[in-house]
Amino acid sequence: MGFALNLDLQLTSSAFAADGAIPTRHTGEGEDVSPALSWSNAPAGTKSFAVICHDPDAPLVSANGTYGFVHWVHYNIPGDVTSLPEGCKQHTDGPTNFGKAGYGGPMPPEGHGQHKYYFWILALDSEPTLEDGLDLWQLLAKVEPHTLAMNRLVGTYQRG
């Protein structure tokens, strides 16, 4: 199927509305815990999910040509799961641009203004058996041929 938006698959958060401000609690200036996320309308044949959070506004270009800042790589979520609780520690976390696995909340550079944070849900036709330690770009390379649907929830944050 590949990477293309599927508007049937819906991703929401009880912490913030689409295009709304992400509460400080979920940022590097707060408690730095992942927000609760829920999704619905996954396509038939979904066997697992992956969730990522990426800030394309971050002024970071890597040597391999990737851009932005990766805040969360969360995968091996079983296909019968439809939500993640706040501060989720289940499933598998890959490394972020903070240099560690697990959620790292928004914290744009001082004076950089508002950034947009894209939380993505990917519905996959493969079992949740991916190896530990995949970064965002490795994960995307592995799941691209198995992606049945994907959609996003965008939140914003600006340092106080």
N, C-alpha and C. Protein backbone atom coordinates (compact mmCIF):
# COMPACT_ATOMS: atom_id res chain seq x y z
N MET A 1 0.81 -1.19 0.00
CA MET A 1 0.00 0.00 0.00
C MET A 1 0.86 1.26 0.00
N GLY A 2 1.88 1.31 0.85
CA GLY A 2 2.77 2.47 0.88
C GLY A 2 2.23 3.59 1.73
N PHE A 3 3.00 4.67 1.74
CA PHE A 3 2.67 5.81 2.59
C PHE A 3 1.75 6.78 1.87
N ALA A 4 0.52 6.81 2.30
CA ALA A 4 -0.47 7.76 1.79
C ALA A 4 -1.50 7.95 2.89
N LEU A 5 -1.96 9.17 3.06
CA LEU A 5 -2.97 9.44 4.08
C LEU A 5 -4.23 8.64 3.81
N ASN A 6 -4.80 8.15 4.88
CA ASN A 6 -6.09 7.47 4.82
C ASN A 6 -6.97 8.15 5.84
N LEU A 7 -7.91 8.94 5.38
CA LEU A 7 -8.72 9.74 6.29
C LEU A 7 -9.74 8.92 7.07
N ASP A 8 -9.94 7.65 6.71
CA ASP A 8 -10.81 6.79 7.51
C ASP A 8 -10.17 6.50 8.87
N LEU A 9 -8.87 6.23 8.87
CA LEU A 9 -8.13 5.98 10.11
C LEU A 9 -8.00 7.30 10.85
N GLN A 10 -8.51 7.34 12.07
CA GLN A 10 -8.51 8.59 12.84
C GLN A 10 -7.62 8.46 14.07
N LEU A 11 -6.82 9.50 14.33
CA LEU A 11 -5.96 9.57 15.51
C LEU A 11 -6.35 10.80 16.31
N THR A 12 -6.60 10.61 17.60
CA THR A 12 -6.97 11.72 18.48
C THR A 12 -6.21 11.62 19.79
N SER A 13 -6.25 12.70 20.55
CA SER A 13 -5.66 12.72 21.89
C SER A 13 -6.61 13.44 22.83
N SER A 14 -6.71 12.96 24.05
CA SER A 14 -7.49 13.66 25.06
C SER A 14 -6.71 14.84 25.62
N ALA A 15 -5.43 14.95 25.28
CA ALA A 15 -4.58 16.01 25.81
C ALA A 15 -4.64 17.30 24.97
N PHE A 16 -4.87 17.18 23.67
CA PHE A 16 -4.91 18.36 22.81
C PHE A 16 -5.74 18.06 21.58
N ALA A 17 -6.31 19.12 21.00
CA ALA A 17 -7.12 19.01 19.79
C ALA A 17 -6.23 19.08 18.56
N ALA A 18 -6.75 18.64 17.44
CA ALA A 18 -6.01 18.75 16.17
C ALA A 18 -5.64 20.21 15.94
N ASP A 19 -4.38 20.44 15.63
CA ASP A 19 -3.80 21.77 15.40
C ASP A 19 -3.80 22.63 16.66
N GLY A 20 -4.03 22.02 17.82
CA GLY A 20 -4.04 22.75 19.08
C GLY A 20 -2.70 22.67 19.80
N ALA A 21 -2.59 23.46 20.83
CA ALA A 21 -1.36 23.51 21.63
C ALA A 21 -1.21 22.24 22.47
N ILE A 22 -0.01 21.69 22.44
CA ILE A 22 0.32 20.53 23.28
C ILE A 22 0.58 21.06 24.69
N PRO A 23 -0.09 20.53 25.71
CA PRO A 23 0.11 21.02 27.08
C PRO A 23 1.57 20.85 27.53
N THR A 24 2.03 21.78 28.32
CA THR A 24 3.41 21.78 28.83
C THR A 24 3.76 20.45 29.48
N ARG A 25 2.80 19.82 30.11
CA ARG A 25 3.02 18.51 30.77
C ARG A 25 3.69 17.50 29.82
N HIS A 26 3.38 17.58 28.54
CA HIS A 26 3.87 16.61 27.56
C HIS A 26 5.10 17.11 26.80
N THR A 27 5.79 18.11 27.37
CA THR A 27 6.95 18.70 26.70
C THR A 27 8.20 18.58 27.57
N GLY A 28 9.33 18.95 26.98
CA GLY A 28 10.59 18.95 27.71
C GLY A 28 10.63 20.00 28.81
N GLU A 29 9.73 20.95 28.77
CA GLU A 29 9.65 21.96 29.83
C GLU A 29 8.72 21.52 30.97
N GLY A 30 8.04 20.39 30.76
CA GLY A 30 7.11 19.88 31.76
C GLY A 30 7.56 18.53 32.27
N GLU A 31 6.59 17.62 32.40
CA GLU A 31 6.89 16.28 32.91
C GLU A 31 7.42 15.35 31.83
N ASP A 32 7.34 15.78 30.59
CA ASP A 32 7.90 15.03 29.46
C ASP A 32 7.33 13.62 29.35
N VAL A 33 6.01 13.51 29.51
CA VAL A 33 5.32 12.23 29.34
C VAL A 33 4.52 12.26 28.05
N SER A 34 4.47 11.14 27.38
CA SER A 34 3.72 11.06 26.12
C SER A 34 2.24 11.30 26.39
N PRO A 35 1.56 11.97 25.46
CA PRO A 35 0.13 12.17 25.62
C PRO A 35 -0.63 10.88 25.34
N ALA A 36 -1.81 10.76 25.92
CA ALA A 36 -2.69 9.64 25.59
C ALA A 36 -3.13 9.80 24.13
N LEU A 37 -3.14 8.70 23.40
CA LEU A 37 -3.56 8.69 22.00
C LEU A 37 -4.58 7.58 21.80
N SER A 38 -5.54 7.84 20.91
CA SER A 38 -6.54 6.82 20.55
C SER A 38 -6.73 6.85 19.05
N TRP A 39 -7.06 5.69 18.48
CA TRP A 39 -7.32 5.63 17.04
C TRP A 39 -8.51 4.72 16.78
N SER A 40 -9.10 4.95 15.60
CA SER A 40 -10.28 4.18 15.21
C SER A 40 -10.29 4.00 13.70
N ASN A 41 -11.12 3.08 13.25
CA ASN A 41 -11.34 2.81 11.82
C ASN A 41 -10.10 2.27 11.11
N ALA A 42 -9.35 1.42 11.78
CA ALA A 42 -8.22 0.76 11.12
C ALA A 42 -8.77 -0.18 10.05
N PRO A 43 -8.07 -0.32 8.95
CA PRO A 43 -8.58 -1.18 7.87
C PRO A 43 -8.54 -2.66 8.24
N ALA A 44 -9.38 -3.43 7.57
CA ALA A 44 -9.37 -4.89 7.73
C ALA A 44 -7.97 -5.40 7.40
N GLY A 45 -7.53 -6.39 8.12
CA GLY A 45 -6.21 -6.97 7.88
C GLY A 45 -5.11 -6.35 8.71
N THR A 46 -5.44 -5.35 9.55
CA THR A 46 -4.43 -4.72 10.41
C THR A 46 -3.99 -5.71 11.48
N LYS A 47 -2.69 -5.96 11.58
CA LYS A 47 -2.14 -6.88 12.57
C LYS A 47 -1.27 -6.18 13.61
N SER A 48 -0.85 -4.95 13.30
CA SER A 48 -0.05 -4.19 14.26
C SER A 48 -0.09 -2.71 13.89
N PHE A 49 0.43 -1.89 14.82
CA PHE A 49 0.49 -0.45 14.62
C PHE A 49 1.87 0.06 15.00
N ALA A 50 2.18 1.23 14.47
CA ALA A 50 3.35 1.98 14.90
C ALA A 50 2.91 3.43 15.08
N VAL A 51 3.49 4.10 16.05
CA VAL A 51 3.22 5.51 16.32
C VAL A 51 4.56 6.24 16.32
N ILE A 52 4.59 7.37 15.65
CA ILE A 52 5.81 8.18 15.65
C ILE A 52 5.43 9.64 15.91
N CYS A 53 6.37 10.40 16.42
CA CYS A 53 6.21 11.84 16.56
C CYS A 53 7.46 12.50 15.98
N HIS A 54 7.22 13.44 15.07
CA HIS A 54 8.30 14.08 14.32
C HIS A 54 8.03 15.58 14.23
N ASP A 55 9.07 16.38 14.39
CA ASP A 55 8.99 17.83 14.26
C ASP A 55 9.73 18.24 13.00
N PRO A 56 9.02 18.45 11.89
CA PRO A 56 9.70 18.83 10.66
C PRO A 56 10.20 20.27 10.67
N ASP A 57 9.78 21.07 11.66
CA ASP A 57 10.21 22.46 11.75
C ASP A 57 11.58 22.62 12.40
N ALA A 58 12.07 21.55 13.01
CA ALA A 58 13.37 21.65 13.70
C ALA A 58 14.50 21.87 12.69
N PRO A 59 15.42 22.75 13.03
CA PRO A 59 16.53 23.05 12.11
C PRO A 59 17.64 22.00 12.19
N LEU A 60 17.31 20.79 11.79
CA LEU A 60 18.27 19.69 11.87
C LEU A 60 18.22 18.89 10.59
N VAL A 61 19.33 18.84 9.89
CA VAL A 61 19.46 17.99 8.71
C VAL A 61 20.62 17.04 9.00
N SER A 62 20.37 15.74 8.91
CA SER A 62 21.39 14.74 9.20
C SER A 62 22.25 14.46 7.97
N ALA A 63 23.38 13.84 8.20
CA ALA A 63 24.30 13.51 7.11
C ALA A 63 23.65 12.64 6.05
N ASN A 64 22.67 11.81 6.46
CA ASN A 64 22.00 10.94 5.49
C ASN A 64 20.85 11.64 4.76
N GLY A 65 20.68 12.94 5.01
CA GLY A 65 19.67 13.70 4.28
C GLY A 65 18.31 13.76 4.95
N THR A 66 18.14 13.12 6.11
CA THR A 66 16.87 13.21 6.82
C THR A 66 16.79 14.59 7.48
N TYR A 67 15.58 15.01 7.81
CA TYR A 67 15.40 16.35 8.35
C TYR A 67 14.47 16.32 9.56
N GLY A 68 14.46 17.42 10.29
CA GLY A 68 13.58 17.54 11.43
C GLY A 68 14.12 16.80 12.64
N PHE A 69 13.28 16.69 13.66
CA PHE A 69 13.68 16.09 14.93
C PHE A 69 12.68 15.00 15.28
N VAL A 70 13.19 13.82 15.59
CA VAL A 70 12.36 12.67 15.94
C VAL A 70 12.17 12.66 17.46
N HIS A 71 10.89 12.70 17.88
CA HIS A 71 10.56 12.74 19.30
C HIS A 71 10.07 11.41 19.86
N TRP A 72 9.61 10.51 18.97
CA TRP A 72 9.09 9.23 19.47
C TRP A 72 9.02 8.25 18.33
N VAL A 73 9.48 7.03 18.59
CA VAL A 73 9.37 5.90 17.67
C VAL A 73 8.83 4.75 18.52
N HIS A 74 7.57 4.40 18.33
CA HIS A 74 6.89 3.43 19.19
C HIS A 74 6.20 2.40 18.30
N TYR A 75 6.58 1.14 18.41
CA TYR A 75 6.08 0.14 17.47
C TYR A 75 5.88 -1.21 18.15
N ASN A 76 5.51 -2.22 17.34
CA ASN A 76 5.13 -3.54 17.85
C ASN A 76 3.87 -3.45 18.72
N ILE A 77 2.96 -2.57 18.33
CA ILE A 77 1.68 -2.42 19.01
C ILE A 77 0.71 -3.43 18.39
N PRO A 78 0.18 -4.37 19.16
CA PRO A 78 -0.72 -5.39 18.59
C PRO A 78 -1.94 -4.78 17.89
N GLY A 79 -2.43 -5.48 16.91
CA GLY A 79 -3.54 -5.01 16.09
C GLY A 79 -4.86 -4.82 16.80
N ASP A 80 -5.02 -5.40 18.00
CA ASP A 80 -6.27 -5.23 18.74
C ASP A 80 -6.22 -4.04 19.70
N VAL A 81 -5.09 -3.34 19.74
CA VAL A 81 -4.95 -2.17 20.59
C VAL A 81 -5.47 -0.95 19.83
N THR A 82 -6.22 -0.09 20.52
CA THR A 82 -6.76 1.11 19.87
C THR A 82 -6.41 2.39 20.63
N SER A 83 -5.53 2.28 21.61
CA SER A 83 -5.13 3.48 22.34
C SER A 83 -3.83 3.24 23.09
N LEU A 84 -3.17 4.33 23.41
CA LEU A 84 -1.98 4.31 24.26
C LEU A 84 -2.26 5.23 25.44
N PRO A 85 -1.99 4.78 26.66
CA PRO A 85 -2.22 5.66 27.80
C PRO A 85 -1.14 6.73 27.89
N GLU A 86 -1.42 7.78 28.62
CA GLU A 86 -0.39 8.79 28.88
C GLU A 86 0.83 8.11 29.50
N GLY A 87 2.01 8.51 29.05
CA GLY A 87 3.24 7.94 29.59
C GLY A 87 3.45 6.48 29.24
N CYS A 88 2.92 6.03 28.11
CA CYS A 88 2.97 4.62 27.71
C CYS A 88 4.39 4.06 27.74
N LYS A 89 4.54 2.92 28.40
CA LYS A 89 5.84 2.24 28.47
C LYS A 89 5.75 0.82 27.90
N GLN A 90 4.63 0.49 27.25
CA GLN A 90 4.46 -0.84 26.67
C GLN A 90 5.05 -0.86 25.27
N HIS A 91 5.10 -2.00 24.66
CA HIS A 91 5.53 -2.19 23.27
C HIS A 91 7.02 -1.90 23.12
N THR A 92 7.44 -1.41 21.96
CA THR A 92 8.87 -1.21 21.68
C THR A 92 9.13 0.24 21.32
N ASP A 93 10.14 0.83 21.94
CA ASP A 93 10.55 2.20 21.63
C ASP A 93 11.90 2.17 20.92
N GLY A 94 11.98 2.92 19.83
CA GLY A 94 13.25 3.09 19.15
C GLY A 94 13.91 4.39 19.58
N PRO A 95 15.17 4.60 19.17
CA PRO A 95 15.89 5.81 19.56
C PRO A 95 15.33 7.05 18.87
N THR A 96 15.44 8.17 19.57
CA THR A 96 15.02 9.47 19.07
C THR A 96 16.24 10.35 18.83
N ASN A 97 16.02 11.56 18.40
CA ASN A 97 17.13 12.49 18.24
C ASN A 97 17.66 13.01 19.58
N PHE A 98 17.00 12.65 20.67
CA PHE A 98 17.53 12.95 22.00
C PHE A 98 18.63 11.97 22.38
N GLY A 99 18.81 10.92 21.56
CA GLY A 99 19.86 9.93 21.83
C GLY A 99 19.43 8.82 22.76
N LYS A 100 18.13 8.66 22.96
CA LYS A 100 17.63 7.60 23.83
C LYS A 100 16.31 7.08 23.29
N ALA A 101 15.93 5.90 23.73
CA ALA A 101 14.64 5.33 23.34
C ALA A 101 13.56 5.91 24.24
N GLY A 102 12.35 5.98 23.71
CA GLY A 102 11.22 6.48 24.48
C GLY A 102 10.86 7.90 24.09
N TYR A 103 9.72 8.32 24.56
CA TYR A 103 9.18 9.63 24.23
C TYR A 103 10.05 10.75 24.77
N GLY A 104 10.28 11.74 23.95
CA GLY A 104 10.93 12.99 24.35
C GLY A 104 10.08 14.12 23.81
N GLY A 105 9.49 14.89 24.68
CA GLY A 105 8.51 15.88 24.27
C GLY A 105 9.07 17.10 23.57
N PRO A 106 8.17 17.90 23.01
CA PRO A 106 8.54 19.11 22.30
C PRO A 106 9.39 20.05 23.17
N MET A 107 10.36 20.68 22.54
CA MET A 107 11.18 21.69 23.18
C MET A 107 11.99 22.40 22.10
N PRO A 108 11.32 23.23 21.29
CA PRO A 108 12.04 23.91 20.22
C PRO A 108 13.13 24.82 20.76
N PRO A 109 14.11 25.13 19.94
CA PRO A 109 15.18 26.03 20.41
C PRO A 109 14.62 27.37 20.90
N GLU A 110 15.28 27.96 21.88
CA GLU A 110 14.88 29.28 22.41
C GLU A 110 14.69 30.26 21.27
N GLY A 111 13.61 31.01 21.30
CA GLY A 111 13.37 32.04 20.32
C GLY A 111 13.01 31.54 18.93
N HIS A 112 12.75 30.25 18.80
CA HIS A 112 12.49 29.67 17.49
C HIS A 112 11.03 29.74 17.07
N GLY A 113 10.17 30.20 17.97
CA GLY A 113 8.76 30.30 17.63
C GLY A 113 8.04 28.97 17.75
N GLN A 114 6.85 28.95 17.21
CA GLN A 114 6.00 27.76 17.29
C GLN A 114 6.44 26.69 16.29
N HIS A 115 6.47 25.45 16.76
CA HIS A 115 6.73 24.30 15.90
C HIS A 115 5.47 23.44 15.84
N LYS A 116 5.36 22.68 14.76
CA LYS A 116 4.28 21.69 14.62
C LYS A 116 4.87 20.31 14.87
N TYR A 117 4.13 19.50 15.61
CA TYR A 117 4.54 18.14 15.95
C TYR A 117 3.54 17.18 15.35
N TYR A 118 4.04 16.30 14.50
CA TYR A 118 3.19 15.35 13.78
C TYR A 118 3.24 14.01 14.50
N PHE A 119 2.12 13.62 15.10
CA PHE A 119 1.96 12.29 15.66
C PHE A 119 1.31 11.45 14.57
N TRP A 120 1.96 10.38 14.18
CA TRP A 120 1.48 9.52 13.10
C TRP A 120 1.07 8.16 13.65
N ILE A 121 0.00 7.62 13.12
CA ILE A 121 -0.40 6.23 13.37
C ILE A 121 -0.29 5.50 12.04
N LEU A 122 0.37 4.35 12.06
CA LEU A 122 0.49 3.51 10.87
C LEU A 122 -0.14 2.16 11.18
N ALA A 123 -1.09 1.75 10.36
CA ALA A 123 -1.73 0.44 10.47
C ALA A 123 -0.98 -0.51 9.54
N LEU A 124 -0.50 -1.62 10.08
CA LEU A 124 0.36 -2.54 9.34
C LEU A 124 -0.28 -3.91 9.18
N ASP A 125 0.04 -4.57 8.06
CA ASP A 125 -0.48 -5.92 7.82
C ASP A 125 0.46 -7.00 8.32
N SER A 126 1.47 -6.62 9.12
CA SER A 126 2.45 -7.58 9.64
C SER A 126 2.30 -7.71 11.16
N GLU A 127 2.67 -8.87 11.67
CA GLU A 127 2.62 -9.12 13.10
C GLU A 127 3.61 -8.19 13.82
N PRO A 128 3.36 -7.91 15.11
CA PRO A 128 4.25 -7.01 15.87
C PRO A 128 5.53 -7.71 16.33
N THR A 129 6.41 -8.00 15.39
CA THR A 129 7.63 -8.75 15.70
C THR A 129 8.91 -8.06 15.20
N LEU A 130 8.87 -6.75 15.04
CA LEU A 130 10.06 -6.03 14.58
C LEU A 130 11.12 -6.01 15.69
N GLU A 131 12.38 -6.03 15.29
CA GLU A 131 13.47 -6.05 16.25
C GLU A 131 13.56 -4.73 17.02
N ASP A 132 14.14 -4.80 18.20
CA ASP A 132 14.37 -3.62 19.03
C ASP A 132 15.37 -2.69 18.36
N GLY A 133 15.31 -1.42 18.73
CA GLY A 133 16.36 -0.47 18.36
C GLY A 133 16.22 0.20 17.02
N LEU A 134 15.08 0.08 16.34
CA LEU A 134 14.92 0.73 15.04
C LEU A 134 14.69 2.22 15.23
N ASP A 135 15.48 3.04 14.51
CA ASP A 135 15.20 4.46 14.53
C ASP A 135 14.07 4.74 13.53
N LEU A 136 13.63 5.98 13.45
CA LEU A 136 12.50 6.31 12.59
C LEU A 136 12.72 5.87 11.16
N TRP A 137 13.87 6.17 10.61
CA TRP A 137 14.12 5.92 9.19
C TRP A 137 14.25 4.42 8.92
N GLN A 138 14.83 3.67 9.85
CA GLN A 138 14.90 2.21 9.71
C GLN A 138 13.49 1.61 9.81
N LEU A 139 12.70 2.11 10.76
CA LEU A 139 11.33 1.62 10.92
C LEU A 139 10.53 1.87 9.64
N LEU A 140 10.60 3.08 9.11
CA LEU A 140 9.84 3.38 7.90
C LEU A 140 10.25 2.50 6.73
N ALA A 141 11.53 2.23 6.60
CA ALA A 141 12.00 1.36 5.51
C ALA A 141 11.42 -0.04 5.66
N LYS A 142 11.31 -0.54 6.89
CA LYS A 142 10.79 -1.89 7.12
C LYS A 142 9.28 -1.98 6.95
N VAL A 143 8.55 -0.94 7.36
CA VAL A 143 7.09 -1.04 7.36
C VAL A 143 6.44 -0.52 6.09
N GLU A 144 7.15 0.21 5.26
CA GLU A 144 6.53 0.79 4.06
C GLU A 144 5.75 -0.24 3.24
N PRO A 145 6.31 -1.42 2.94
CA PRO A 145 5.53 -2.38 2.15
C PRO A 145 4.37 -3.02 2.93
N HIS A 146 4.30 -2.78 4.23
CA HIS A 146 3.25 -3.39 5.06
C HIS A 146 2.23 -2.38 5.56
N THR A 147 2.34 -1.14 5.12
CA THR A 147 1.44 -0.09 5.61
C THR A 147 0.12 -0.12 4.86
N LEU A 148 -0.95 -0.40 5.61
CA LEU A 148 -2.30 -0.43 5.04
C LEU A 148 -2.93 0.96 5.06
N ALA A 149 -2.63 1.73 6.10
CA ALA A 149 -3.20 3.06 6.26
C ALA A 149 -2.35 3.86 7.23
N MET A 150 -2.42 5.17 7.08
CA MET A 150 -1.75 6.05 8.03
C MET A 150 -2.48 7.38 8.09
N ASN A 151 -2.39 8.01 9.23
CA ASN A 151 -2.95 9.34 9.39
C ASN A 151 -2.20 10.02 10.52
N ARG A 152 -2.49 11.29 10.73
CA ARG A 152 -1.71 12.06 11.68
C ARG A 152 -2.61 12.95 12.53
N LEU A 153 -2.05 13.34 13.65
CA LEU A 153 -2.62 14.35 14.54
C LEU A 153 -1.51 15.36 14.73
N VAL A 154 -1.78 16.62 14.42
CA VAL A 154 -0.77 17.66 14.54
C VAL A 154 -1.08 18.51 15.76
N GLY A 155 -0.04 18.72 16.58
CA GLY A 155 -0.12 19.62 17.72
C GLY A 155 0.97 20.66 17.60
N THR A 156 0.82 21.74 18.33
CA THR A 156 1.81 22.82 18.27
C THR A 156 2.40 23.07 19.65
N TYR A 157 3.61 23.66 19.65
CA TYR A 157 4.22 24.06 20.92
C TYR A 157 5.23 25.17 20.64
N GLN A 158 5.25 26.11 21.56
CA GLN A 158 6.22 27.20 21.52
C GLN A 158 6.75 27.37 22.93
N ARG A 159 8.04 27.43 23.08
CA ARG A 159 8.63 27.57 24.41
C ARG A 159 8.19 28.87 25.06
N GLY A 160 7.95 28.77 26.38
CA GLY A 160 7.49 29.93 27.13
C GLY A 160 8.61 30.88 27.50
